[in-house]
Amino acid sequence: MKFDILIQNVFILFVIAIIIESCAMALFSLTALKDISENRPVQVARDTFVVILALLLCYKVELLSLFTGTGIHLHKYLDTAISALMLVGLANVVNGFFGKMRRG
């Protein structure tokens, strides 16, 4: 297994997670949604948006595959699912970090 390539793939997913989280924050910080942004249904919609976007990106973009070039051979759909879950997890970490920065 090539550990350095795996770390590089995780770093690429982290950068994409920052971009996805920035897009989600921009979308859900519109003036029309400001009053309801703390409701649970809005949080569920935001999380659903991030999951669907992560799945589509990992499926369509070969570079966002977590195990490409590492020597670990998985079925494409399994690799896509693991990569998307990793991307969603990193996006949630970025969301928590941005939330703490917003609160002060």
PDB file of N, CA and C in Angstrom:
ATOM      1  N   MET A   1       0.837  -1.180   0.000  1.00  0.00           N
ATOM      2  CA  MET A   1       0.000   0.000   0.000  1.00  0.00           C
ATOM      3  C   MET A   1       0.879   1.239   0.000  1.00  0.00           C
ATOM      4  N   LYS A   2       0.495   2.202  -0.779  1.00  0.00           N
ATOM      5  CA  LYS A   2       1.225   3.466  -0.870  1.00  0.00           C
ATOM      6  C   LYS A   2       0.544   4.486   0.034  1.00  0.00           C
ATOM      7  N   PHE A   3       1.117   4.637   1.223  1.00  0.00           N
ATOM      8  CA  PHE A   3       0.512   5.482   2.248  1.00  0.00           C
ATOM      9  C   PHE A   3       0.552   6.959   1.861  1.00  0.00           C
ATOM     10  N   ASP A   4       1.605   7.394   1.175  1.00  0.00           N
ATOM     11  CA  ASP A   4       1.711   8.799   0.812  1.00  0.00           C
ATOM     12  C   ASP A   4       0.642   9.210  -0.196  1.00  0.00           C
ATOM     13  N   ILE A   5       0.269   8.305  -1.080  1.00  0.00           N
ATOM     14  CA  ILE A   5      -0.797   8.607  -2.040  1.00  0.00           C
ATOM     15  C   ILE A   5      -2.150   8.668  -1.328  1.00  0.00           C
ATOM     16  N   LEU A   6      -2.345   7.793  -0.334  1.00  0.00           N
ATOM     17  CA  LEU A   6      -3.584   7.833   0.450  1.00  0.00           C
ATOM     18  C   LEU A   6      -3.714   9.162   1.185  1.00  0.00           C
ATOM     19  N   ILE A   7      -2.631   9.637   1.775  1.00  0.00           N
ATOM     20  CA  ILE A   7      -2.649  10.930   2.466  1.00  0.00           C
ATOM     21  C   ILE A   7      -2.932  12.058   1.476  1.00  0.00           C
ATOM     22  N   GLN A   8      -2.353  11.966   0.298  1.00  0.00           N
ATOM     23  CA  GLN A   8      -2.594  12.968  -0.741  1.00  0.00           C
ATOM     24  C   GLN A   8      -4.070  12.961  -1.145  1.00  0.00           C
ATOM     25  N   ASN A   9      -4.667  11.783  -1.287  1.00  0.00           N
ATOM     26  CA  ASN A   9      -6.091  11.687  -1.645  1.00  0.00           C
ATOM     27  C   ASN A   9      -6.977  12.257  -0.542  1.00  0.00           C
ATOM     28  N   VAL A  10      -6.619  12.018   0.724  1.00  0.00           N
ATOM     29  CA  VAL A  10      -7.387  12.582   1.839  1.00  0.00           C
ATOM     30  C   VAL A  10      -7.275  14.102   1.832  1.00  0.00           C
ATOM     31  N   PHE A  11      -6.101  14.621   1.545  1.00  0.00           N
ATOM     32  CA  PHE A  11      -5.920  16.071   1.477  1.00  0.00           C
ATOM     33  C   PHE A  11      -6.763  16.680   0.357  1.00  0.00           C
ATOM     34  N   ILE A  12      -6.815  16.014  -0.785  1.00  0.00           N
ATOM     35  CA  ILE A  12      -7.652  16.497  -1.894  1.00  0.00           C
ATOM     36  C   ILE A  12      -9.120  16.505  -1.472  1.00  0.00           C
ATOM     37  N   LEU A  13      -9.560  15.445  -0.790  1.00  0.00           N
ATOM     38  CA  LEU A  13     -10.942  15.402  -0.303  1.00  0.00           C
ATOM     39  C   LEU A  13     -11.196  16.518   0.713  1.00  0.00           C
ATOM     40  N   PHE A  14     -10.199  16.836   1.533  1.00  0.00           N
ATOM     41  CA  PHE A  14     -10.360  17.911   2.514  1.00  0.00           C
ATOM     42  C   PHE A  14     -10.536  19.261   1.827  1.00  0.00           C
ATOM     43  N   VAL A  15      -9.775  19.504   0.791  1.00  0.00           N
ATOM     44  CA  VAL A  15      -9.907  20.762   0.047  1.00  0.00           C
ATOM     45  C   VAL A  15     -11.286  20.843  -0.607  1.00  0.00           C
ATOM     46  N   ILE A  16     -11.738  19.753  -1.180  1.00  0.00           N
ATOM     47  CA  ILE A  16     -13.074  19.730  -1.792  1.00  0.00           C
ATOM     48  C   ILE A  16     -14.151  19.891  -0.714  1.00  0.00           C
ATOM     49  N   ALA A  17     -13.927  19.340   0.478  1.00  0.00           N
ATOM     50  CA  ALA A  17     -14.887  19.500   1.574  1.00  0.00           C
ATOM     51  C   ALA A  17     -15.015  20.963   1.977  1.00  0.00           C
ATOM     52  N   ILE A  18     -13.918  21.687   1.982  1.00  0.00           N
ATOM     53  CA  ILE A  18     -13.973  23.121   2.283  1.00  0.00           C
ATOM     54  C   ILE A  18     -14.797  23.848   1.226  1.00  0.00           C
ATOM     55  N   ILE A  19     -14.617  23.484  -0.022  1.00  0.00           N
ATOM     56  CA  ILE A  19     -15.375  24.116  -1.108  1.00  0.00           C
ATOM     57  C   ILE A  19     -16.858  23.776  -1.001  1.00  0.00           C
ATOM     58  N   ILE A  20     -17.176  22.503  -0.744  1.00  0.00           N
ATOM     59  CA  ILE A  20     -18.589  22.097  -0.610  1.00  0.00           C
ATOM     60  C   ILE A  20     -19.232  22.813   0.569  1.00  0.00           C
ATOM     61  N   GLU A  21     -18.539  22.877   1.687  1.00  0.00           N
ATOM     62  CA  GLU A  21     -19.102  23.537   2.864  1.00  0.00           C
ATOM     63  C   GLU A  21     -19.297  25.025   2.614  1.00  0.00           C
ATOM     64  N   SER A  22     -18.389  25.640   1.906  1.00  0.00           N
ATOM     65  CA  SER A  22     -18.550  27.059   1.569  1.00  0.00           C
ATOM     66  C   SER A  22     -19.767  27.266   0.678  1.00  0.00           C
ATOM     67  N   CYS A  23     -19.975  26.363  -0.267  1.00  0.00           N
ATOM     68  CA  CYS A  23     -21.162  26.443  -1.135  1.00  0.00           C
ATOM     69  C   CYS A  23     -22.442  26.258  -0.331  1.00  0.00           C
ATOM     70  N   ALA A  24     -22.437  25.287   0.573  1.00  0.00           N
ATOM     71  CA  ALA A  24     -23.636  25.049   1.388  1.00  0.00           C
ATOM     72  C   ALA A  24     -23.913  26.238   2.300  1.00  0.00           C
ATOM     73  N   MET A  25     -22.864  26.805   2.875  1.00  0.00           N
ATOM     74  CA  MET A  25     -23.051  27.979   3.729  1.00  0.00           C
ATOM     75  C   MET A  25     -23.582  29.157   2.926  1.00  0.00           C
ATOM     76  N   ALA A  26     -23.086  29.334   1.722  1.00  0.00           N
ATOM     77  CA  ALA A  26     -23.569  30.432   0.882  1.00  0.00           C
ATOM     78  C   ALA A  26     -25.023  30.226   0.492  1.00  0.00           C
ATOM     79  N   LEU A  27     -25.375  28.996   0.174  1.00  0.00           N
ATOM     80  CA  LEU A  27     -26.743  28.700  -0.230  1.00  0.00           C
ATOM     81  C   LEU A  27     -27.721  28.881   0.933  1.00  0.00           C
ATOM     82  N   PHE A  28     -27.341  28.404   2.110  1.00  0.00           N
ATOM     83  CA  PHE A  28     -28.261  28.446   3.240  1.00  0.00           C
ATOM     84  C   PHE A  28     -28.125  29.708   4.084  1.00  0.00           C
ATOM     85  N   SER A  29     -27.306  30.651   3.659  1.00  0.00           N
ATOM     86  CA  SER A  29     -27.230  31.920   4.376  1.00  0.00           C
ATOM     87  C   SER A  29     -27.919  33.037   3.597  1.00  0.00           C
ATOM     88  N   LEU A  30     -28.714  32.658   2.622  1.00  0.00           N
ATOM     89  CA  LEU A  30     -29.477  33.657   1.879  1.00  0.00           C
ATOM     90  C   LEU A  30     -30.440  34.369   2.820  1.00  0.00           C
ATOM     91  N   THR A  31     -30.823  35.559   2.479  1.00  0.00           N
ATOM     92  CA  THR A  31     -31.686  36.369   3.333  1.00  0.00           C
ATOM     93  C   THR A  31     -33.023  35.691   3.589  1.00  0.00           C
ATOM     94  N   ALA A  32     -33.537  34.990   2.618  1.00  0.00           N
ATOM     95  CA  ALA A  32     -34.836  34.325   2.784  1.00  0.00           C
ATOM     96  C   ALA A  32     -34.763  33.193   3.806  1.00  0.00           C
ATOM     97  N   LEU A  33     -33.593  32.597   3.995  1.00  0.00           N
ATOM     98  CA  LEU A  33     -33.453  31.480   4.918  1.00  0.00           C
ATOM     99  C   LEU A  33     -32.862  31.876   6.265  1.00  0.00           C
ATOM    100  N   LYS A  34     -32.558  33.145   6.475  1.00  0.00           N
ATOM    101  CA  LYS A  34     -31.922  33.579   7.719  1.00  0.00           C
ATOM    102  C   LYS A  34     -32.791  33.288   8.944  1.00  0.00           C
ATOM    103  N   ASP A  35     -34.094  33.513   8.838  1.00  0.00           N
ATOM    104  CA  ASP A  35     -34.975  33.347   9.984  1.00  0.00           C
ATOM    105  C   ASP A  35     -35.162  31.888  10.375  1.00  0.00           C
ATOM    106  N   ILE A  36     -35.058  30.978   9.427  1.00  0.00           N
ATOM    107  CA  ILE A  36     -35.315  29.572   9.730  1.00  0.00           C
ATOM    108  C   ILE A  36     -34.049  28.732   9.727  1.00  0.00           C
ATOM    109  N   SER A  37     -32.875  29.377   9.748  1.00  0.00           N
ATOM    110  CA  SER A  37     -31.623  28.633   9.594  1.00  0.00           C
ATOM    111  C   SER A  37     -31.304  27.730  10.782  1.00  0.00           C
ATOM    112  N   GLU A  38     -31.920  27.953  11.938  1.00  0.00           N
ATOM    113  CA  GLU A  38     -31.632  27.132  13.106  1.00  0.00           C
ATOM    114  C   GLU A  38     -32.613  25.974  13.285  1.00  0.00           C
ATOM    115  N   ASN A  39     -33.596  25.860  12.412  1.00  0.00           N
ATOM    116  CA  ASN A  39     -34.569  24.778  12.516  1.00  0.00           C
ATOM    117  C   ASN A  39     -33.958  23.461  12.069  1.00  0.00           C
ATOM    118  N   ARG A  40     -34.440  22.391  12.651  1.00  0.00           N
ATOM    119  CA  ARG A  40     -33.938  21.060  12.319  1.00  0.00           C
ATOM    120  C   ARG A  40     -34.204  20.671  10.868  1.00  0.00           C
ATOM    121  N   PRO A  41     -35.371  20.973  10.288  1.00  0.00           N
ATOM    122  CA  PRO A  41     -35.577  20.616   8.873  1.00  0.00           C
ATOM    123  C   PRO A  41     -34.584  21.296   7.933  1.00  0.00           C
ATOM    124  N   VAL A  42     -34.177  22.505   8.252  1.00  0.00           N
ATOM    125  CA  VAL A  42     -33.199  23.192   7.415  1.00  0.00           C
ATOM    126  C   VAL A  42     -31.841  22.515   7.537  1.00  0.00           C
ATOM    127  N   GLN A  43     -31.482  22.056   8.740  1.00  0.00           N
ATOM    128  CA  GLN A  43     -30.228  21.333   8.925  1.00  0.00           C
ATOM    129  C   GLN A  43     -30.250  20.005   8.170  1.00  0.00           C
ATOM    130  N   VAL A  44     -31.387  19.331   8.174  1.00  0.00           N
ATOM    131  CA  VAL A  44     -31.523  18.074   7.426  1.00  0.00           C
ATOM    132  C   VAL A  44     -31.403  18.334   5.929  1.00  0.00           C
ATOM    133  N   ALA A  45     -32.015  19.401   5.452  1.00  0.00           N
ATOM    134  CA  ALA A  45     -31.921  19.748   4.031  1.00  0.00           C
ATOM    135  C   ALA A  45     -30.475  20.084   3.656  1.00  0.00           C
ATOM    136  N   ARG A  46     -29.779  20.789   4.525  1.00  0.00           N
ATOM    137  CA  ARG A  46     -28.384  21.125   4.281  1.00  0.00           C
ATOM    138  C   ARG A  46     -27.514  19.874   4.230  1.00  0.00           C
ATOM    139  N   ASP A  47     -27.725  18.977   5.185  1.00  0.00           N
ATOM    140  CA  ASP A  47     -26.953  17.734   5.203  1.00  0.00           C
ATOM    141  C   ASP A  47     -27.258  16.864   3.987  1.00  0.00           C
ATOM    142  N   THR A  48     -28.514  16.826   3.574  1.00  0.00           N
ATOM    143  CA  THR A  48     -28.900  16.066   2.390  1.00  0.00           C
ATOM    144  C   THR A  48     -28.248  16.654   1.144  1.00  0.00           C
ATOM    145  N   PHE A  49     -28.215  17.961   1.057  1.00  0.00           N
ATOM    146  CA  PHE A  49     -27.553  18.632  -0.056  1.00  0.00           C
ATOM    147  C   PHE A  49     -26.066  18.263  -0.113  1.00  0.00           C
ATOM    148  N   VAL A  50     -25.404  18.257   1.032  1.00  0.00           N
ATOM    149  CA  VAL A  50     -23.974  17.927   1.088  1.00  0.00           C
ATOM    150  C   VAL A  50     -23.744  16.459   0.711  1.00  0.00           C
ATOM    151  N   VAL A  51     -24.594  15.552   1.179  1.00  0.00           N
ATOM    152  CA  VAL A  51     -24.432  14.128   0.870  1.00  0.00           C
ATOM    153  C   VAL A  51     -24.628  13.866  -0.625  1.00  0.00           C
ATOM    154  N   ILE A  52     -25.672  14.442  -1.203  1.00  0.00           N
ATOM    155  CA  ILE A  52     -25.932  14.232  -2.631  1.00  0.00           C
ATOM    156  C   ILE A  52     -24.818  14.831  -3.482  1.00  0.00           C
ATOM    157  N   LEU A  53     -24.360  16.016  -3.118  1.00  0.00           N
ATOM    158  CA  LEU A  53     -23.272  16.642  -3.862  1.00  0.00           C
ATOM    159  C   LEU A  53     -21.983  15.829  -3.744  1.00  0.00           C
ATOM    160  N   ALA A  54     -21.707  15.297  -2.569  1.00  0.00           N
ATOM    161  CA  ALA A  54     -20.508  14.474  -2.378  1.00  0.00           C
ATOM    162  C   ALA A  54     -20.585  13.189  -3.192  1.00  0.00           C
ATOM    163  N   LEU A  55     -21.745  12.544  -3.195  1.00  0.00           N
ATOM    164  CA  LEU A  55     -21.903  11.327  -3.993  1.00  0.00           C
ATOM    165  C   LEU A  55     -21.720  11.593  -5.483  1.00  0.00           C
ATOM    166  N   LEU A  56     -22.327  12.654  -5.970  1.00  0.00           N
ATOM    167  CA  LEU A  56     -22.199  12.978  -7.392  1.00  0.00           C
ATOM    168  C   LEU A  56     -20.758  13.319  -7.769  1.00  0.00           C
ATOM    169  N   LEU A  57     -20.104  14.098  -6.937  1.00  0.00           N
ATOM    170  CA  LEU A  57     -18.715  14.464  -7.233  1.00  0.00           C
ATOM    171  C   LEU A  57     -17.796  13.251  -7.210  1.00  0.00           C
ATOM    172  N   CYS A  58     -17.938  12.404  -6.198  1.00  0.00           N
ATOM    173  CA  CYS A  58     -17.070  11.233  -6.101  1.00  0.00           C
ATOM    174  C   CYS A  58     -17.344  10.229  -7.208  1.00  0.00           C
ATOM    175  N   TYR A  59     -18.577  10.171  -7.684  1.00  0.00           N
ATOM    176  CA  TYR A  59     -18.911   9.252  -8.767  1.00  0.00           C
ATOM    177  C   TYR A  59     -18.379   9.752 -10.106  1.00  0.00           C
ATOM    178  N   LYS A  60     -18.492  11.051 -10.350  1.00  0.00           N
ATOM    179  CA  LYS A  60     -18.130  11.604 -11.652  1.00  0.00           C
ATOM    180  C   LYS A  60     -16.649  11.952 -11.787  1.00  0.00           C
ATOM    181  N   VAL A  61     -15.992  12.340 -10.695  1.00  0.00           N
ATOM    182  CA  VAL A  61     -14.608  12.806 -10.766  1.00  0.00           C
ATOM    183  C   VAL A  61     -13.692  11.707 -10.225  1.00  0.00           C
ATOM    184  N   GLU A  62     -12.898  11.127 -11.080  1.00  0.00           N
ATOM    185  CA  GLU A  62     -12.019  10.016 -10.695  1.00  0.00           C
ATOM    186  C   GLU A  62     -10.950  10.458  -9.694  1.00  0.00           C
ATOM    187  N   LEU A  63     -10.560  11.717  -9.731  1.00  0.00           N
ATOM    188  CA  LEU A  63      -9.545  12.233  -8.817  1.00  0.00           C
ATOM    189  C   LEU A  63     -10.004  12.183  -7.364  1.00  0.00           C
ATOM    190  N   LEU A  64     -11.313  12.212  -7.131  1.00  0.00           N
ATOM    191  CA  LEU A  64     -11.847  12.217  -5.772  1.00  0.00           C
ATOM    192  C   LEU A  64     -12.038  10.816  -5.205  1.00  0.00           C
ATOM    193  N   SER A  65     -11.440   9.831  -5.825  1.00  0.00           N
ATOM    194  CA  SER A  65     -11.489   8.471  -5.311  1.00  0.00           C
ATOM    195  C   SER A  65     -10.416   8.314  -4.242  1.00  0.00           C
ATOM    196  N   LEU A  66     -10.790   7.822  -3.096  1.00  0.00           N
ATOM    197  CA  LEU A  66      -9.880   7.730  -1.955  1.00  0.00           C
ATOM    198  C   LEU A  66      -8.770   6.720  -2.178  1.00  0.00           C
ATOM    199  N   PHE A  67      -9.053   5.628  -2.849  1.00  0.00           N
ATOM    200  CA  PHE A  67      -8.084   4.541  -2.967  1.00  0.00           C
ATOM    201  C   PHE A  67      -7.403   4.446  -4.334  1.00  0.00           C
ATOM    202  N   THR A  68      -7.553   5.461  -5.178  1.00  0.00           N
ATOM    203  CA  THR A  68      -6.897   5.448  -6.479  1.00  0.00           C
ATOM    204  C   THR A  68      -5.388   5.580  -6.304  1.00  0.00           C
ATOM    205  N   GLY A  69      -4.661   4.641  -6.871  1.00  0.00           N
ATOM    206  CA  GLY A  69      -3.212   4.686  -6.842  1.00  0.00           C
ATOM    207  C   GLY A  69      -2.562   4.186  -5.568  1.00  0.00           C
ATOM    208  N   THR A  70      -3.352   3.674  -4.629  1.00  0.00           N
ATOM    209  CA  THR A  70      -2.783   3.221  -3.357  1.00  0.00           C
ATOM    210  C   THR A  70      -2.439   1.741  -3.366  1.00  0.00           C
ATOM    211  N   GLY A  71      -2.904   1.006  -4.339  1.00  0.00           N
ATOM    212  CA  GLY A  71      -2.675  -0.430  -4.364  1.00  0.00           C
ATOM    213  C   GLY A  71      -3.844  -1.206  -3.773  1.00  0.00           C
ATOM    214  N   ILE A  72      -4.800  -0.519  -3.182  1.00  0.00           N
ATOM    215  CA  ILE A  72      -6.012  -1.160  -2.657  1.00  0.00           C
ATOM    216  C   ILE A  72      -7.046  -1.154  -3.781  1.00  0.00           C
ATOM    217  N   HIS A  73      -7.511  -2.324  -4.156  1.00  0.00           N
ATOM    218  CA  HIS A  73      -8.458  -2.429  -5.263  1.00  0.00           C
ATOM    219  C   HIS A  73      -9.832  -2.793  -4.714  1.00  0.00           C
ATOM    220  N   LEU A  74     -10.747  -1.857  -4.819  1.00  0.00           N
ATOM    221  CA  LEU A  74     -12.134  -2.056  -4.421  1.00  0.00           C
ATOM    222  C   LEU A  74     -13.023  -1.863  -5.640  1.00  0.00           C
ATOM    223  N   HIS A  75     -14.233  -2.363  -5.553  1.00  0.00           N
ATOM    224  CA  HIS A  75     -15.213  -2.118  -6.606  1.00  0.00           C
ATOM    225  C   HIS A  75     -15.469  -0.616  -6.684  1.00  0.00           C
ATOM    226  N   LYS A  76     -15.741  -0.119  -7.880  1.00  0.00           N
ATOM    227  CA  LYS A  76     -15.899   1.320  -8.086  1.00  0.00           C
ATOM    228  C   LYS A  76     -16.993   1.911  -7.201  1.00  0.00           C
ATOM    229  N   TYR A  77     -18.095   1.216  -7.031  1.00  0.00           N
ATOM    230  CA  TYR A  77     -19.193   1.748  -6.221  1.00  0.00           C
ATOM    231  C   TYR A  77     -18.832   1.781  -4.737  1.00  0.00           C
ATOM    232  N   LEU A  78     -18.110   0.784  -4.276  1.00  0.00           N
ATOM    233  CA  LEU A  78     -17.676   0.778  -2.884  1.00  0.00           C
ATOM    234  C   LEU A  78     -16.663   1.894  -2.636  1.00  0.00           C
ATOM    235  N   ASP A  79     -15.745   2.071  -3.558  1.00  0.00           N
ATOM    236  CA  ASP A  79     -14.774   3.150  -3.447  1.00  0.00           C
ATOM    237  C   ASP A  79     -15.470   4.508  -3.477  1.00  0.00           C
ATOM    238  N   THR A  80     -16.474   4.658  -4.330  1.00  0.00           N
ATOM    239  CA  THR A  80     -17.238   5.903  -4.409  1.00  0.00           C
ATOM    240  C   THR A  80     -17.978   6.165  -3.110  1.00  0.00           C
ATOM    241  N   ALA A  81     -18.594   5.134  -2.544  1.00  0.00           N
ATOM    242  CA  ALA A  81     -19.341   5.297  -1.298  1.00  0.00           C
ATOM    243  C   ALA A  81     -18.417   5.688  -0.145  1.00  0.00           C
ATOM    244  N   ILE A  82     -17.283   5.029  -0.024  1.00  0.00           N
ATOM    245  CA  ILE A  82     -16.340   5.348   1.048  1.00  0.00           C
ATOM    246  C   ILE A  82     -15.780   6.758   0.861  1.00  0.00           C
ATOM    247  N   SER A  83     -15.466   7.116  -0.374  1.00  0.00           N
ATOM    248  CA  SER A  83     -14.944   8.457  -0.653  1.00  0.00           C
ATOM    249  C   SER A  83     -15.983   9.527  -0.333  1.00  0.00           C
ATOM    250  N   ALA A  84     -17.242   9.278  -0.689  1.00  0.00           N
ATOM    251  CA  ALA A  84     -18.306  10.244  -0.413  1.00  0.00           C
ATOM    252  C   ALA A  84     -18.544  10.387   1.089  1.00  0.00           C
ATOM    253  N   LEU A  85     -18.513   9.269   1.813  1.00  0.00           N
ATOM    254  CA  LEU A  85     -18.682   9.352   3.268  1.00  0.00           C
ATOM    255  C   LEU A  85     -17.531  10.108   3.922  1.00  0.00           C
ATOM    256  N   MET A  86     -16.332   9.892   3.425  1.00  0.00           N
ATOM    257  CA  MET A  86     -15.174  10.625   3.929  1.00  0.00           C
ATOM    258  C   MET A  86     -15.324  12.119   3.633  1.00  0.00           C
ATOM    259  N   LEU A  87     -15.794  12.439   2.445  1.00  0.00           N
ATOM    260  CA  LEU A  87     -15.993  13.829   2.058  1.00  0.00           C
ATOM    261  C   LEU A  87     -17.073  14.491   2.912  1.00  0.00           C
ATOM    262  N   VAL A  88     -18.149  13.782   3.198  1.00  0.00           N
ATOM    263  CA  VAL A  88     -19.212  14.322   4.051  1.00  0.00           C
ATOM    264  C   VAL A  88     -18.694  14.526   5.475  1.00  0.00           C
ATOM    265  N   GLY A  89     -17.931  13.565   5.969  1.00  0.00           N
ATOM    266  CA  GLY A  89     -17.362  13.720   7.305  1.00  0.00           C
ATOM    267  C   GLY A  89     -16.429  14.916   7.403  1.00  0.00           C
ATOM    268  N   LEU A  90     -15.590  15.095   6.402  1.00  0.00           N
ATOM    269  CA  LEU A  90     -14.702  16.260   6.393  1.00  0.00           C
ATOM    270  C   LEU A  90     -15.488  17.564   6.262  1.00  0.00           C
ATOM    271  N   ALA A  91     -16.567  17.543   5.483  1.00  0.00           N
ATOM    272  CA  ALA A  91     -17.410  18.736   5.356  1.00  0.00           C
ATOM    273  C   ALA A  91     -18.066  19.074   6.694  1.00  0.00           C
ATOM    274  N   ASN A  92     -18.447  18.057   7.471  1.00  0.00           N
ATOM    275  CA  ASN A  92     -19.022  18.317   8.800  1.00  0.00           C
ATOM    276  C   ASN A  92     -17.984  18.880   9.754  1.00  0.00           C
ATOM    277  N   VAL A  93     -16.742  18.431   9.638  1.00  0.00           N
ATOM    278  CA  VAL A  93     -15.668  18.993  10.455  1.00  0.00           C
ATOM    279  C   VAL A  93     -15.466  20.463  10.111  1.00  0.00           C
ATOM    280  N   VAL A  94     -15.449  20.770   8.823  1.00  0.00           N
ATOM    281  CA  VAL A  94     -15.298  22.155   8.378  1.00  0.00           C
ATOM    282  C   VAL A  94     -16.492  22.988   8.835  1.00  0.00           C
ATOM    283  N   ASN A  95     -17.693  22.417   8.790  1.00  0.00           N
ATOM    284  CA  ASN A  95     -18.894  23.116   9.248  1.00  0.00           C
ATOM    285  C   ASN A  95     -18.783  23.448  10.735  1.00  0.00           C
ATOM    286  N   GLY A  96     -18.332  22.500  11.530  1.00  0.00           N
ATOM    287  CA  GLY A  96     -18.147  22.754  12.958  1.00  0.00           C
ATOM    288  C   GLY A  96     -17.106  23.842  13.207  1.00  0.00           C
ATOM    289  N   PHE A  97     -16.038  23.816  12.442  1.00  0.00           N
ATOM    290  CA  PHE A  97     -14.996  24.828  12.590  1.00  0.00           C
ATOM    291  C   PHE A  97     -15.525  26.213  12.219  1.00  0.00           C
ATOM    292  N   PHE A  98     -16.248  26.314  11.087  1.00  0.00           N
ATOM    293  CA  PHE A  98     -16.817  27.596  10.673  1.00  0.00           C
ATOM    294  C   PHE A  98     -17.869  28.066  11.676  1.00  0.00           C
ATOM    295  N   GLY A  99     -18.636  27.138  12.242  1.00  0.00           N
ATOM    296  CA  GLY A  99     -19.646  27.502  13.234  1.00  0.00           C
ATOM    297  C   GLY A  99     -19.011  28.075  14.490  1.00  0.00           C
ATOM    298  N   LYS A 100     -17.914  27.498  14.923  1.00  0.00           N
ATOM    299  CA  LYS A 100     -17.208  28.027  16.095  1.00  0.00           C
ATOM    300  C   LYS A 100     -16.602  29.389  15.803  1.00  0.00           C
ATOM    301  N   MET A 101     -16.126  29.575  14.584  1.00  0.00           N
ATOM    302  CA  MET A 101     -15.573  30.886  14.232  1.00  0.00           C
ATOM    303  C   MET A 101     -16.660  31.946  14.185  1.00  0.00           C
ATOM    304  N   ARG A 102     -17.852  31.568  13.723  1.00  0.00           N
ATOM    305  CA  ARG A 102     -18.962  32.516  13.652  1.00  0.00           C
ATOM    306  C   ARG A 102     -19.433  32.936  15.030  1.00  0.00           C
ATOM    307  N   ARG A 103     -19.479  31.971  15.965  1.00  0.00           N
ATOM    308  CA  ARG A 103     -19.955  32.271  17.318  1.00  0.00           C
ATOM    309  C   ARG A 103     -18.931  33.032  18.142  1.00  0.00           C
ATOM    310  N   GLY A 104     -17.677  32.892  17.763  1.00  0.00           N
ATOM    311  CA  GLY A 104     -16.643  33.644  18.472  1.00  0.00           C
ATOM    312  C   GLY A 104     -15.868  32.907  19.433  1.00  0.00           C
TER     313      GLY A 104
END
